[in-house]
Amino acid sequence: MALSDVTFNIRGRKFGAHKAILAMGSPVFAAMFTHPTKEMLSGEVEVEDVDPDVFQEVLRYMYTGSPQSTAMDTMALGLLAAAEKYLLDQLKTRCESHLIRKMSAKNCLDLLTLTTHHPAEHLKKFAIEYFRSYPSEVMGTDNWKKLKEENPALLCDLQQMVLTAQTV
């Protein structure tokens, strides 16, 4: 990227960006680039917990204010997690809305699980309501069988969340 003043290394892929633009859009980047952090001093940022394609889309969003529609279809879960990490509230809201529109018995447990790691109250509320409305369909999925075999404690936590959550 022309005249970039910071380079992100995302699992071996490099992305150039501009500190001023990132700092204006994200309190996390603002803190990173306005204090004498390692990243500020070196102009390089290592990120291991975000997929490179997701990070590229986060940068696109920060520069344009709009994610690609195809990106929402393929990486909304990753974008939601990245939006939470970098405190990009509008992107997070867009991701939640997109995931709510795409809610199904097949992905309901995945979305509920996501809300245990990344606060997304609207998504959580909708997933709980979906599960309550279609319990047989959700419990009939491969995801249910997989969780039952591989992580029964998580499945029990999700069931407890659905059964005890107060929805208004």
N, C-alpha and C. Protein backbone atom coordinates (compact mmCIF):
# COMPACT_ATOMS: atom_id res chain seq x y z
N MET A 1 0.85 -1.17 0.00
CA MET A 1 0.00 0.00 0.00
C MET A 1 0.90 1.24 0.00
N ALA A 2 0.61 2.17 -0.87
CA ALA A 2 1.45 3.36 -1.04
C ALA A 2 1.54 4.16 0.25
N LEU A 3 2.75 4.54 0.59
CA LEU A 3 3.04 5.39 1.74
C LEU A 3 2.57 4.82 3.08
N SER A 4 2.41 3.51 3.16
CA SER A 4 1.99 2.91 4.43
C SER A 4 3.09 3.09 5.47
N ASP A 5 2.68 3.20 6.72
CA ASP A 5 3.66 3.40 7.78
C ASP A 5 3.59 2.31 8.86
N VAL A 6 2.83 1.26 8.57
CA VAL A 6 2.80 0.10 9.46
C VAL A 6 2.58 -1.14 8.60
N THR A 7 3.21 -2.22 8.99
CA THR A 7 3.07 -3.49 8.29
C THR A 7 2.54 -4.53 9.27
N PHE A 8 1.49 -5.21 8.88
CA PHE A 8 0.93 -6.29 9.68
C PHE A 8 1.40 -7.61 9.11
N ASN A 9 1.89 -8.48 9.97
CA ASN A 9 2.28 -9.83 9.58
C ASN A 9 1.23 -10.76 10.17
N ILE A 10 0.40 -11.30 9.29
CA ILE A 10 -0.70 -12.16 9.72
C ILE A 10 -0.41 -13.57 9.22
N ARG A 11 0.15 -14.37 10.11
CA ARG A 11 0.50 -15.75 9.75
C ARG A 11 1.29 -15.84 8.46
N GLY A 12 2.26 -14.97 8.33
CA GLY A 12 3.15 -15.00 7.16
C GLY A 12 2.73 -14.10 6.01
N ARG A 13 1.50 -13.60 6.01
CA ARG A 13 1.07 -12.65 4.98
C ARG A 13 1.24 -11.23 5.50
N LYS A 14 1.74 -10.37 4.65
CA LYS A 14 2.01 -8.99 5.05
C LYS A 14 0.99 -8.04 4.44
N PHE A 15 0.55 -7.08 5.25
CA PHE A 15 -0.40 -6.06 4.83
C PHE A 15 0.12 -4.70 5.27
N GLY A 16 0.21 -3.77 4.34
CA GLY A 16 0.58 -2.41 4.67
C GLY A 16 -0.66 -1.60 5.01
N ALA A 17 -0.50 -0.65 5.93
CA ALA A 17 -1.62 0.20 6.32
C ALA A 17 -1.10 1.53 6.83
N HIS A 18 -2.02 2.39 7.21
CA HIS A 18 -1.68 3.73 7.68
C HIS A 18 -2.16 3.88 9.12
N LYS A 19 -1.24 4.15 10.01
CA LYS A 19 -1.56 4.25 11.44
C LYS A 19 -2.69 5.24 11.70
N ALA A 20 -2.66 6.39 11.04
CA ALA A 20 -3.67 7.43 11.31
C ALA A 20 -5.08 6.93 10.99
N ILE A 21 -5.23 6.24 9.88
CA ILE A 21 -6.55 5.74 9.49
C ILE A 21 -7.02 4.67 10.47
N LEU A 22 -6.12 3.77 10.84
CA LEU A 22 -6.49 2.70 11.77
C LEU A 22 -6.82 3.28 13.15
N ALA A 23 -6.03 4.25 13.60
CA ALA A 23 -6.25 4.85 14.92
C ALA A 23 -7.57 5.61 14.98
N MET A 24 -7.98 6.21 13.87
CA MET A 24 -9.26 6.93 13.84
C MET A 24 -10.44 5.96 13.94
N GLY A 25 -10.28 4.74 13.46
CA GLY A 25 -11.39 3.81 13.42
C GLY A 25 -11.47 2.83 14.57
N SER A 26 -10.38 2.68 15.31
CA SER A 26 -10.34 1.66 16.35
C SER A 26 -9.61 2.17 17.59
N PRO A 27 -10.25 2.12 18.75
CA PRO A 27 -9.57 2.51 19.98
C PRO A 27 -8.36 1.62 20.28
N VAL A 28 -8.42 0.37 19.85
CA VAL A 28 -7.29 -0.54 20.07
C VAL A 28 -6.07 -0.06 19.27
N PHE A 29 -6.28 0.26 17.99
CA PHE A 29 -5.17 0.75 17.19
C PHE A 29 -4.73 2.13 17.67
N ALA A 30 -5.67 2.95 18.11
CA ALA A 30 -5.31 4.28 18.63
C ALA A 30 -4.35 4.12 19.80
N ALA A 31 -4.67 3.23 20.72
CA ALA A 31 -3.78 3.00 21.87
C ALA A 31 -2.43 2.44 21.42
N MET A 32 -2.47 1.53 20.47
CA MET A 32 -1.24 0.90 19.98
C MET A 32 -0.31 1.90 19.31
N PHE A 33 -0.89 2.85 18.59
CA PHE A 33 -0.08 3.75 17.78
C PHE A 33 0.13 5.13 18.40
N THR A 34 -0.42 5.40 19.57
CA THR A 34 -0.19 6.70 20.20
C THR A 34 0.61 6.58 21.48
N HIS A 35 1.02 5.39 21.82
CA HIS A 35 1.87 5.16 22.98
C HIS A 35 3.15 4.48 22.51
N PRO A 36 4.20 4.56 23.28
CA PRO A 36 5.48 3.96 22.85
C PRO A 36 5.48 2.43 22.95
N THR A 37 4.60 1.81 22.20
CA THR A 37 4.53 0.36 22.17
C THR A 37 5.57 -0.18 21.19
N LYS A 38 5.81 -1.48 21.29
CA LYS A 38 6.73 -2.15 20.36
C LYS A 38 6.26 -1.92 18.92
N GLU A 39 4.94 -2.01 18.71
CA GLU A 39 4.38 -1.85 17.37
C GLU A 39 4.57 -0.42 16.85
N MET A 40 4.40 0.55 17.72
CA MET A 40 4.57 1.95 17.32
C MET A 40 6.02 2.22 16.94
N LEU A 41 6.91 1.70 17.73
CA LEU A 41 8.33 1.97 17.50
C LEU A 41 8.88 1.22 16.29
N SER A 42 8.42 0.00 16.06
CA SER A 42 8.96 -0.80 14.96
C SER A 42 8.20 -0.61 13.66
N GLY A 43 6.93 -0.21 13.76
CA GLY A 43 6.10 -0.11 12.56
C GLY A 43 5.65 -1.47 12.04
N GLU A 44 5.79 -2.50 12.88
CA GLU A 44 5.39 -3.85 12.51
C GLU A 44 4.50 -4.44 13.59
N VAL A 45 3.44 -5.14 13.15
CA VAL A 45 2.50 -5.75 14.08
C VAL A 45 2.32 -7.22 13.69
N GLU A 46 2.57 -8.10 14.66
CA GLU A 46 2.35 -9.53 14.46
C GLU A 46 0.96 -9.87 14.99
N VAL A 47 0.17 -10.58 14.18
CA VAL A 47 -1.16 -11.01 14.61
C VAL A 47 -1.27 -12.50 14.30
N GLU A 48 -1.47 -13.29 15.35
CA GLU A 48 -1.55 -14.74 15.17
C GLU A 48 -2.96 -15.28 15.31
N ASP A 49 -3.87 -14.50 15.89
CA ASP A 49 -5.19 -15.03 16.21
C ASP A 49 -6.29 -14.59 15.25
N VAL A 50 -5.92 -14.07 14.09
CA VAL A 50 -6.90 -13.67 13.08
C VAL A 50 -6.47 -14.26 11.74
N ASP A 51 -7.40 -14.84 11.03
CA ASP A 51 -7.13 -15.38 9.71
C ASP A 51 -6.71 -14.25 8.77
N PRO A 52 -5.72 -14.47 7.92
CA PRO A 52 -5.26 -13.40 7.01
C PRO A 52 -6.36 -12.82 6.12
N ASP A 53 -7.24 -13.66 5.60
CA ASP A 53 -8.32 -13.16 4.75
C ASP A 53 -9.29 -12.30 5.56
N VAL A 54 -9.54 -12.70 6.79
CA VAL A 54 -10.42 -11.92 7.67
C VAL A 54 -9.76 -10.57 7.96
N PHE A 55 -8.45 -10.59 8.25
CA PHE A 55 -7.76 -9.33 8.55
C PHE A 55 -7.77 -8.40 7.34
N GLN A 56 -7.59 -8.96 6.17
CA GLN A 56 -7.64 -8.14 4.96
C GLN A 56 -9.01 -7.47 4.83
N GLU A 57 -10.06 -8.21 5.17
CA GLU A 57 -11.40 -7.65 5.09
C GLU A 57 -11.62 -6.59 6.18
N VAL A 58 -11.02 -6.79 7.36
CA VAL A 58 -11.10 -5.77 8.41
C VAL A 58 -10.43 -4.48 7.93
N LEU A 59 -9.28 -4.60 7.29
CA LEU A 59 -8.61 -3.41 6.75
C LEU A 59 -9.49 -2.75 5.68
N ARG A 60 -10.08 -3.54 4.80
CA ARG A 60 -10.96 -2.98 3.77
C ARG A 60 -12.10 -2.21 4.43
N TYR A 61 -12.67 -2.79 5.46
CA TYR A 61 -13.76 -2.13 6.18
C TYR A 61 -13.28 -0.82 6.80
N MET A 62 -12.11 -0.83 7.39
CA MET A 62 -11.61 0.38 8.06
C MET A 62 -11.33 1.50 7.06
N TYR A 63 -10.97 1.15 5.85
CA TYR A 63 -10.70 2.17 4.83
C TYR A 63 -11.97 2.62 4.11
N THR A 64 -12.93 1.73 3.94
CA THR A 64 -14.10 2.07 3.11
C THR A 64 -15.39 2.23 3.92
N GLY A 65 -15.43 1.68 5.14
CA GLY A 65 -16.64 1.75 5.95
C GLY A 65 -17.67 0.70 5.58
N SER A 66 -17.30 -0.23 4.70
CA SER A 66 -18.26 -1.23 4.26
C SER A 66 -17.54 -2.54 3.92
N PRO A 67 -18.00 -3.65 4.48
CA PRO A 67 -17.40 -4.93 4.10
C PRO A 67 -17.96 -5.39 2.76
N GLN A 68 -17.21 -6.21 2.06
CA GLN A 68 -17.72 -6.80 0.82
C GLN A 68 -18.87 -7.74 1.17
N SER A 69 -19.92 -7.73 0.38
CA SER A 69 -21.07 -8.59 0.69
C SER A 69 -20.68 -10.06 0.66
N THR A 70 -19.79 -10.44 -0.24
CA THR A 70 -19.37 -11.84 -0.29
C THR A 70 -18.58 -12.21 0.95
N ALA A 71 -17.86 -11.26 1.52
CA ALA A 71 -17.09 -11.53 2.73
C ALA A 71 -18.01 -11.87 3.89
N MET A 72 -19.14 -11.18 3.98
CA MET A 72 -20.08 -11.46 5.06
C MET A 72 -20.61 -12.89 4.94
N ASP A 73 -20.82 -13.35 3.72
CA ASP A 73 -21.32 -14.71 3.54
C ASP A 73 -20.29 -15.77 3.90
N THR A 74 -19.03 -15.48 3.70
CA THR A 74 -18.00 -16.50 3.90
C THR A 74 -17.23 -16.37 5.21
N MET A 75 -17.20 -15.17 5.80
CA MET A 75 -16.36 -15.01 6.99
C MET A 75 -16.98 -14.16 8.08
N ALA A 76 -18.28 -14.13 8.19
CA ALA A 76 -18.94 -13.31 9.21
C ALA A 76 -18.52 -13.69 10.62
N LEU A 77 -18.33 -14.99 10.88
CA LEU A 77 -17.90 -15.41 12.22
C LEU A 77 -16.53 -14.84 12.56
N GLY A 78 -15.59 -14.96 11.63
CA GLY A 78 -14.25 -14.43 11.86
C GLY A 78 -14.25 -12.91 11.96
N LEU A 79 -15.06 -12.26 11.13
CA LEU A 79 -15.16 -10.80 11.18
C LEU A 79 -15.75 -10.33 12.51
N LEU A 80 -16.72 -11.07 13.02
CA LEU A 80 -17.29 -10.71 14.31
C LEU A 80 -16.23 -10.78 15.40
N ALA A 81 -15.45 -11.84 15.41
CA ALA A 81 -14.39 -11.99 16.41
C ALA A 81 -13.35 -10.87 16.27
N ALA A 82 -12.96 -10.55 15.05
CA ALA A 82 -11.98 -9.48 14.82
C ALA A 82 -12.56 -8.12 15.19
N ALA A 83 -13.84 -7.91 14.88
CA ALA A 83 -14.49 -6.65 15.24
C ALA A 83 -14.52 -6.47 16.75
N GLU A 84 -14.74 -7.56 17.46
CA GLU A 84 -14.72 -7.51 18.93
C GLU A 84 -13.30 -7.19 19.42
N LYS A 85 -12.31 -7.85 18.83
CA LYS A 85 -10.92 -7.66 19.25
C LYS A 85 -10.47 -6.21 19.06
N TYR A 86 -10.84 -5.61 17.93
CA TYR A 86 -10.37 -4.25 17.62
C TYR A 86 -11.41 -3.17 17.93
N LEU A 87 -12.49 -3.57 18.63
CA LEU A 87 -13.54 -2.64 19.07
C LEU A 87 -14.14 -1.85 17.90
N LEU A 88 -14.50 -2.59 16.87
CA LEU A 88 -15.14 -2.00 15.68
C LEU A 88 -16.64 -2.27 15.80
N ASP A 89 -17.31 -1.44 16.57
CA ASP A 89 -18.71 -1.69 16.93
C ASP A 89 -19.65 -1.78 15.74
N GLN A 90 -19.49 -0.92 14.74
CA GLN A 90 -20.40 -0.97 13.59
C GLN A 90 -20.21 -2.25 12.79
N LEU A 91 -18.98 -2.68 12.63
CA LEU A 91 -18.72 -3.94 11.92
C LEU A 91 -19.30 -5.10 12.72
N LYS A 92 -19.12 -5.06 14.02
CA LYS A 92 -19.67 -6.12 14.87
C LYS A 92 -21.19 -6.19 14.72
N THR A 93 -21.85 -5.05 14.73
CA THR A 93 -23.31 -5.01 14.58
C THR A 93 -23.72 -5.57 13.21
N ARG A 94 -23.00 -5.21 12.17
CA ARG A 94 -23.31 -5.74 10.84
C ARG A 94 -23.16 -7.25 10.80
N CYS A 95 -22.09 -7.75 11.42
CA CYS A 95 -21.87 -9.20 11.45
C CYS A 95 -22.98 -9.90 12.22
N GLU A 96 -23.35 -9.35 13.37
CA GLU A 96 -24.44 -9.94 14.15
C GLU A 96 -25.73 -9.99 13.32
N SER A 97 -26.06 -8.89 12.68
CA SER A 97 -27.28 -8.83 11.87
C SER A 97 -27.24 -9.86 10.75
N HIS A 98 -26.11 -9.98 10.10
CA HIS A 98 -25.95 -10.94 9.01
C HIS A 98 -26.14 -12.37 9.54
N LEU A 99 -25.49 -12.68 10.66
CA LEU A 99 -25.59 -14.02 11.22
C LEU A 99 -27.01 -14.34 11.69
N ILE A 100 -27.70 -13.35 12.22
CA ILE A 100 -29.09 -13.55 12.64
C ILE A 100 -29.95 -13.89 11.42
N ARG A 101 -29.73 -13.18 10.32
CA ARG A 101 -30.50 -13.46 9.09
C ARG A 101 -30.22 -14.86 8.55
N LYS A 102 -29.02 -15.36 8.80
CA LYS A 102 -28.62 -16.67 8.28
C LYS A 102 -28.80 -17.80 9.31
N MET A 103 -29.42 -17.51 10.44
CA MET A 103 -29.60 -18.51 11.50
C MET A 103 -30.36 -19.71 10.97
N SER A 104 -29.88 -20.90 11.34
CA SER A 104 -30.54 -22.15 10.96
C SER A 104 -30.29 -23.18 12.05
N ALA A 105 -30.99 -24.28 11.98
CA ALA A 105 -30.75 -25.35 12.94
C ALA A 105 -29.30 -25.83 12.84
N LYS A 106 -28.78 -25.82 11.64
CA LYS A 106 -27.42 -26.32 11.40
C LYS A 106 -26.34 -25.45 12.07
N ASN A 107 -26.54 -24.13 12.11
CA ASN A 107 -25.49 -23.27 12.67
C ASN A 107 -25.83 -22.67 14.04
N CYS A 108 -26.99 -22.96 14.58
CA CYS A 108 -27.44 -22.36 15.83
C CYS A 108 -26.45 -22.64 16.97
N LEU A 109 -25.99 -23.87 17.12
CA LEU A 109 -25.05 -24.20 18.20
C LEU A 109 -23.71 -23.49 18.01
N ASP A 110 -23.25 -23.40 16.76
CA ASP A 110 -22.00 -22.69 16.49
C ASP A 110 -22.12 -21.23 16.91
N LEU A 111 -23.26 -20.63 16.61
CA LEU A 111 -23.45 -19.22 16.93
C LEU A 111 -23.61 -19.01 18.43
N LEU A 112 -24.28 -19.93 19.10
CA LEU A 112 -24.36 -19.86 20.56
C LEU A 112 -22.97 -19.99 21.19
N THR A 113 -22.19 -20.93 20.68
CA THR A 113 -20.82 -21.12 21.17
C THR A 113 -20.00 -19.86 20.97
N LEU A 114 -20.13 -19.25 19.82
CA LEU A 114 -19.41 -18.01 19.53
C LEU A 114 -19.72 -16.95 20.58
N THR A 115 -20.98 -16.86 20.99
CA THR A 115 -21.36 -15.81 21.95
C THR A 115 -20.81 -16.07 23.35
N THR A 116 -20.32 -17.28 23.60
CA THR A 116 -19.68 -17.53 24.90
C THR A 116 -18.27 -16.98 24.93
N HIS A 117 -17.67 -16.77 23.76
CA HIS A 117 -16.30 -16.24 23.68
C HIS A 117 -16.26 -14.77 23.27
N HIS A 118 -17.25 -14.34 22.52
CA HIS A 118 -17.30 -12.97 22.00
C HIS A 118 -18.67 -12.38 22.32
N PRO A 119 -18.72 -11.42 23.23
CA PRO A 119 -20.02 -10.86 23.58
C PRO A 119 -20.75 -10.31 22.35
N ALA A 120 -21.90 -10.89 22.08
CA ALA A 120 -22.75 -10.46 20.97
C ALA A 120 -24.18 -10.69 21.42
N GLU A 121 -24.68 -9.77 22.21
CA GLU A 121 -25.95 -9.97 22.91
C GLU A 121 -27.15 -10.19 21.99
N HIS A 122 -27.22 -9.44 20.89
CA HIS A 122 -28.35 -9.62 19.97
C HIS A 122 -28.31 -11.00 19.34
N LEU A 123 -27.14 -11.42 18.92
CA LEU A 123 -26.97 -12.73 18.32
C LEU A 123 -27.29 -13.83 19.35
N LYS A 124 -26.80 -13.67 20.55
CA LYS A 124 -27.06 -14.64 21.61
C LYS A 124 -28.56 -14.77 21.87
N LYS A 125 -29.24 -13.65 22.01
CA LYS A 125 -30.68 -13.65 22.28
C LYS A 125 -31.43 -14.36 21.15
N PHE A 126 -31.07 -14.04 19.92
CA PHE A 126 -31.76 -14.64 18.78
C PHE A 126 -31.48 -16.15 18.71
N ALA A 127 -30.23 -16.55 18.97
CA ALA A 127 -29.88 -17.98 18.93
C ALA A 127 -30.62 -18.75 20.01
N ILE A 128 -30.73 -18.15 21.19
CA ILE A 128 -31.48 -18.80 22.27
C ILE A 128 -32.94 -18.95 21.87
N GLU A 129 -33.54 -17.89 21.33
CA GLU A 129 -34.94 -17.96 20.89
C GLU A 129 -35.12 -18.98 19.77
N TYR A 130 -34.15 -19.04 18.86
CA TYR A 130 -34.22 -20.00 17.76
C TYR A 130 -34.20 -21.43 18.32
N PHE A 131 -33.25 -21.69 19.23
CA PHE A 131 -33.13 -23.02 19.83
C PHE A 131 -34.43 -23.38 20.55
N ARG A 132 -35.00 -22.45 21.30
CA ARG A 132 -36.25 -22.71 22.02
C ARG A 132 -37.40 -22.98 21.06
N SER A 133 -37.40 -22.33 19.91
CA SER A 133 -38.48 -22.50 18.94
C SER A 133 -38.35 -23.78 18.13
N TYR A 134 -37.11 -24.23 17.90
CA TYR A 134 -36.86 -25.40 17.05
C TYR A 134 -35.92 -26.39 17.73
N PRO A 135 -36.25 -26.86 18.93
CA PRO A 135 -35.31 -27.74 19.65
C PRO A 135 -35.04 -29.06 18.93
N SER A 136 -36.05 -29.66 18.36
CA SER A 136 -35.86 -30.95 17.68
C SER A 136 -34.93 -30.81 16.48
N GLU A 137 -35.11 -29.71 15.74
CA GLU A 137 -34.27 -29.49 14.56
C GLU A 137 -32.81 -29.26 14.97
N VAL A 138 -32.59 -28.45 16.00
CA VAL A 138 -31.22 -28.16 16.46
C VAL A 138 -30.58 -29.44 17.00
N MET A 139 -31.33 -30.21 17.79
CA MET A 139 -30.78 -31.44 18.38
C MET A 139 -30.64 -32.56 17.36
N GLY A 140 -31.19 -32.38 16.18
CA GLY A 140 -31.06 -33.38 15.13
C GLY A 140 -29.89 -33.15 14.20
N THR A 141 -29.10 -32.12 14.47
CA THR A 141 -27.99 -31.78 13.56
C THR A 141 -26.73 -32.57 13.89
N ASP A 142 -25.83 -32.60 12.93
CA ASP A 142 -24.52 -33.21 13.15
C ASP A 142 -23.73 -32.44 14.21
N ASN A 143 -23.92 -31.12 14.27
CA ASN A 143 -23.23 -30.32 15.29
C ASN A 143 -23.60 -30.78 16.70
N TRP A 144 -24.88 -31.09 16.90
CA TRP A 144 -25.34 -31.57 18.20
C TRP A 144 -24.64 -32.89 18.54
N LYS A 145 -24.64 -33.82 17.58
CA LYS A 145 -24.02 -35.13 17.80
C LYS A 145 -22.52 -34.99 18.07
N LYS A 146 -21.88 -34.10 17.32
CA LYS A 146 -20.44 -33.88 17.49
C LYS A 146 -20.13 -33.30 18.87
N LEU A 147 -20.88 -32.29 19.29
CA LEU A 147 -20.66 -31.71 20.61
C LEU A 147 -20.95 -32.74 21.71
N LYS A 148 -21.96 -33.54 21.51
CA LYS A 148 -22.33 -34.56 22.51
C LYS A 148 -21.18 -35.54 22.71
N GLU A 149 -20.50 -35.89 21.62
CA GLU A 149 -19.38 -36.83 21.70
C GLU A 149 -18.08 -36.16 22.14
N GLU A 150 -17.79 -34.98 21.58
CA GLU A 150 -16.48 -34.36 21.76
C GLU A 150 -16.39 -33.37 22.92
N ASN A 151 -17.51 -32.71 23.25
CA ASN A 151 -17.45 -31.70 24.30
C ASN A 151 -18.79 -31.62 25.04
N PRO A 152 -19.12 -32.69 25.77
CA PRO A 152 -20.41 -32.70 26.46
C PRO A 152 -20.54 -31.58 27.50
N ALA A 153 -19.43 -31.14 28.08
CA ALA A 153 -19.50 -30.04 29.06
C ALA A 153 -19.97 -28.75 28.38
N LEU A 154 -19.46 -28.46 27.19
CA LEU A 154 -19.89 -27.28 26.45
C LEU A 154 -21.37 -27.42 26.07
N LEU A 155 -21.76 -28.59 25.62
CA LEU A 155 -23.15 -28.81 25.25
C LEU A 155 -24.07 -28.58 26.46
N CYS A 156 -23.64 -29.05 27.61
CA CYS A 156 -24.42 -28.85 28.83
C CYS A 156 -24.51 -27.36 29.16
N ASP A 157 -23.41 -26.64 29.01
CA ASP A 157 -23.41 -25.19 29.25
C ASP A 157 -24.36 -24.47 28.30
N LEU A 158 -24.35 -24.88 27.03
CA LEU A 158 -25.23 -24.25 26.05
C LEU A 158 -26.70 -24.55 26.38
N GLN A 159 -26.98 -25.79 26.77
CA GLN A 159 -28.35 -26.14 27.15
C GLN A 159 -28.80 -25.30 28.35
N GLN A 160 -27.91 -25.17 29.33
CA GLN A 160 -28.24 -24.38 30.51
C GLN A 160 -28.52 -22.93 30.11
N MET A 161 -27.71 -22.39 29.19
CA MET A 161 -27.90 -21.02 28.72
C MET A 161 -29.29 -20.88 28.09
N VAL A 162 -29.66 -21.84 27.28
CA VAL A 162 -30.96 -21.77 26.58
C VAL A 162 -32.11 -21.93 27.58
N LEU A 163 -31.96 -22.80 28.53
CA LEU A 163 -33.06 -23.08 29.45
C LEU A 163 -33.23 -22.02 30.53
N THR A 164 -32.17 -21.32 30.88
CA THR A 164 -32.26 -20.37 32.00
C THR A 164 -32.20 -18.91 31.58
N ALA A 165 -31.86 -18.63 30.34
CA ALA A 165 -31.72 -17.23 29.90
C ALA A 165 -33.07 -16.52 29.96
N GLN A 166 -33.02 -15.31 30.42
CA GLN A 166 -34.21 -14.48 30.45
C GLN A 166 -34.24 -13.65 29.17
N THR A 167 -35.28 -13.79 28.39
CA THR A 167 -35.42 -12.98 27.19
C THR A 167 -36.58 -12.03 27.38
N VAL A 168 -36.39 -10.84 26.91
CA VAL A 168 -37.41 -9.80 27.09
C VAL A 168 -38.18 -9.60 25.81
